[in-house]
Amino acid sequence: MKAERLLAELNRLRSDIDKDPSDLEWLTLHHVFCFVSYKIGEFQAYVAEADEKGDFDEFDG
């Protein structure tokens, strides 16, 4: 699994809802996306560790 793939899915989820700074769902998705984007190296290390533990074994993609 690559961090970029998960980040792309998070961005898709964020894009699927209307931009509304008063909506907690949009705010959450937006700020988590921004934070993870800024910390992509650390997120990739986390994803690699999770992958080694088998956390993505059931994902068929």
N, C-alpha and C. Protein backbone atom coordinates (compact mmCIF):
# COMPACT_ATOMS: atom_id res chain seq x y z
N MET A 1 0.85 -1.18 0.00
CA MET A 1 0.00 0.00 0.00
C MET A 1 0.90 1.24 0.00
N LYS A 2 0.47 2.23 -0.73
CA LYS A 2 1.18 3.51 -0.79
C LYS A 2 0.37 4.59 -0.09
N ALA A 3 1.06 5.46 0.60
CA ALA A 3 0.39 6.57 1.29
C ALA A 3 -0.37 7.43 0.30
N GLU A 4 0.17 7.60 -0.90
CA GLU A 4 -0.46 8.43 -1.90
C GLU A 4 -1.85 7.91 -2.29
N ARG A 5 -1.98 6.60 -2.30
CA ARG A 5 -3.28 6.01 -2.65
C ARG A 5 -4.33 6.33 -1.58
N LEU A 6 -3.93 6.23 -0.32
CA LEU A 6 -4.85 6.55 0.76
C LEU A 6 -5.16 8.05 0.77
N LEU A 7 -4.15 8.86 0.51
CA LEU A 7 -4.35 10.30 0.47
C LEU A 7 -5.27 10.68 -0.68
N ALA A 8 -5.14 10.02 -1.82
CA ALA A 8 -6.02 10.29 -2.96
C ALA A 8 -7.47 9.94 -2.61
N GLU A 9 -7.66 8.84 -1.89
CA GLU A 9 -9.02 8.47 -1.49
C GLU A 9 -9.59 9.48 -0.50
N LEU A 10 -8.77 9.94 0.41
CA LEU A 10 -9.21 10.96 1.36
C LEU A 10 -9.61 12.23 0.61
N ASN A 11 -8.83 12.60 -0.39
CA ASN A 11 -9.15 13.78 -1.18
C ASN A 11 -10.46 13.58 -1.97
N ARG A 12 -10.67 12.36 -2.47
CA ARG A 12 -11.92 12.07 -3.18
C ARG A 12 -13.11 12.23 -2.24
N LEU A 13 -12.98 11.71 -1.02
CA LEU A 13 -14.06 11.86 -0.04
C LEU A 13 -14.33 13.33 0.25
N ARG A 14 -13.25 14.08 0.39
CA ARG A 14 -13.37 15.52 0.66
C ARG A 14 -14.06 16.23 -0.50
N SER A 15 -13.74 15.82 -1.72
CA SER A 15 -14.29 16.45 -2.91
C SER A 15 -15.74 16.06 -3.18
N ASP A 16 -16.15 14.93 -2.61
CA ASP A 16 -17.52 14.45 -2.82
C ASP A 16 -18.57 15.28 -2.09
N ILE A 17 -18.15 16.05 -1.12
CA ILE A 17 -19.11 16.88 -0.40
C ILE A 17 -18.86 18.34 -0.74
N ASP A 18 -19.90 19.14 -0.61
CA ASP A 18 -19.77 20.56 -0.91
C ASP A 18 -18.84 21.23 0.10
N LYS A 19 -18.00 22.13 -0.41
CA LYS A 19 -17.13 22.90 0.48
C LYS A 19 -18.02 23.80 1.35
N ASP A 20 -17.96 23.52 2.65
CA ASP A 20 -18.79 24.27 3.58
C ASP A 20 -18.05 24.38 4.91
N PRO A 21 -17.35 25.50 5.12
CA PRO A 21 -16.58 25.68 6.35
C PRO A 21 -17.40 25.63 7.64
N SER A 22 -18.73 25.63 7.52
CA SER A 22 -19.56 25.51 8.72
C SER A 22 -19.94 24.05 9.00
N ASP A 23 -19.58 23.13 8.10
CA ASP A 23 -19.94 21.72 8.22
C ASP A 23 -18.77 20.94 8.83
N LEU A 24 -19.03 20.26 9.93
CA LEU A 24 -17.97 19.53 10.63
C LEU A 24 -17.37 18.43 9.76
N GLU A 25 -18.19 17.76 8.96
CA GLU A 25 -17.66 16.70 8.09
C GLU A 25 -16.65 17.27 7.10
N TRP A 26 -17.02 18.36 6.43
CA TRP A 26 -16.10 18.97 5.47
C TRP A 26 -14.83 19.48 6.17
N LEU A 27 -15.02 20.15 7.30
CA LEU A 27 -13.86 20.66 8.05
C LEU A 27 -12.90 19.54 8.44
N THR A 28 -13.46 18.44 8.92
CA THR A 28 -12.63 17.31 9.33
C THR A 28 -11.85 16.74 8.16
N LEU A 29 -12.54 16.43 7.08
CA LEU A 29 -11.87 15.86 5.91
C LEU A 29 -10.83 16.82 5.34
N HIS A 30 -11.17 18.09 5.27
CA HIS A 30 -10.25 19.07 4.71
C HIS A 30 -8.97 19.19 5.55
N HIS A 31 -9.13 19.33 6.84
CA HIS A 31 -7.94 19.55 7.68
C HIS A 31 -7.11 18.29 7.87
N VAL A 32 -7.75 17.14 7.91
CA VAL A 32 -6.98 15.89 7.95
C VAL A 32 -6.21 15.72 6.65
N PHE A 33 -6.85 16.01 5.52
CA PHE A 33 -6.17 15.93 4.23
C PHE A 33 -4.96 16.86 4.20
N CYS A 34 -5.15 18.10 4.63
CA CYS A 34 -4.05 19.07 4.64
C CYS A 34 -2.91 18.61 5.55
N PHE A 35 -3.24 18.17 6.75
CA PHE A 35 -2.22 17.74 7.70
C PHE A 35 -1.43 16.55 7.16
N VAL A 36 -2.14 15.54 6.68
CA VAL A 36 -1.46 14.35 6.17
C VAL A 36 -0.62 14.70 4.94
N SER A 37 -1.11 15.61 4.10
CA SER A 37 -0.34 16.04 2.94
C SER A 37 0.99 16.67 3.36
N TYR A 38 0.96 17.48 4.39
CA TYR A 38 2.17 18.13 4.89
C TYR A 38 3.13 17.14 5.53
N LYS A 39 2.59 16.05 6.04
CA LYS A 39 3.40 15.04 6.75
C LYS A 39 3.47 13.74 5.96
N ILE A 40 3.53 13.83 4.63
CA ILE A 40 3.44 12.65 3.77
C ILE A 40 4.57 11.66 4.06
N GLY A 41 5.75 12.13 4.36
CA GLY A 41 6.86 11.22 4.67
C GLY A 41 6.58 10.39 5.91
N GLU A 42 6.09 11.04 6.94
CA GLU A 42 5.74 10.33 8.17
C GLU A 42 4.57 9.39 7.95
N PHE A 43 3.60 9.82 7.14
CA PHE A 43 2.45 8.98 6.86
C PHE A 43 2.89 7.75 6.06
N GLN A 44 3.81 7.93 5.10
CA GLN A 44 4.30 6.79 4.32
C GLN A 44 5.00 5.79 5.24
N ALA A 45 5.76 6.28 6.21
CA ALA A 45 6.42 5.37 7.17
C ALA A 45 5.38 4.60 7.98
N TYR A 46 4.33 5.29 8.41
CA TYR A 46 3.25 4.64 9.14
C TYR A 46 2.57 3.57 8.28
N VAL A 47 2.27 3.92 7.02
CA VAL A 47 1.59 3.00 6.11
C VAL A 47 2.48 1.78 5.86
N ALA A 48 3.77 1.99 5.68
CA ALA A 48 4.69 0.87 5.45
C ALA A 48 4.70 -0.07 6.66
N GLU A 49 4.72 0.50 7.85
CA GLU A 49 4.69 -0.31 9.07
C GLU A 49 3.37 -1.08 9.18
N ALA A 50 2.26 -0.42 8.89
CA ALA A 50 0.95 -1.08 8.93
C ALA A 50 0.88 -2.18 7.87
N ASP A 51 1.48 -1.92 6.72
CA ASP A 51 1.48 -2.90 5.64
C ASP A 51 2.26 -4.15 6.07
N GLU A 52 3.38 -3.95 6.72
CA GLU A 52 4.19 -5.07 7.20
C GLU A 52 3.42 -5.92 8.21
N LYS A 53 2.56 -5.28 8.99
CA LYS A 53 1.76 -5.99 9.99
C LYS A 53 0.56 -6.68 9.35
N GLY A 54 0.31 -6.43 8.08
CA GLY A 54 -0.80 -7.06 7.39
C GLY A 54 -2.10 -6.30 7.44
N ASP A 55 -2.06 -5.04 7.82
CA ASP A 55 -3.28 -4.25 7.96
C ASP A 55 -4.04 -4.06 6.64
N PHE A 56 -3.37 -4.24 5.51
CA PHE A 56 -4.01 -4.02 4.22
C PHE A 56 -4.21 -5.33 3.45
N ASP A 57 -3.98 -6.45 4.11
CA ASP A 57 -4.07 -7.75 3.43
C ASP A 57 -5.46 -8.02 2.86
N GLU A 58 -6.49 -7.55 3.51
CA GLU A 58 -7.85 -7.82 3.04
C GLU A 58 -8.29 -6.90 1.92
N PHE A 59 -7.54 -5.82 1.69
CA PHE A 59 -7.87 -4.89 0.61
C PHE A 59 -7.53 -5.52 -0.72
N ASP A 60 -8.50 -5.51 -1.60
CA ASP A 60 -8.31 -6.10 -2.92
C ASP A 60 -8.36 -4.99 -3.97
N GLY A 61 -7.24 -4.35 -4.17
CA GLY A 61 -7.27 -3.24 -5.10
C GLY A 61 -6.00 -3.07 -5.72
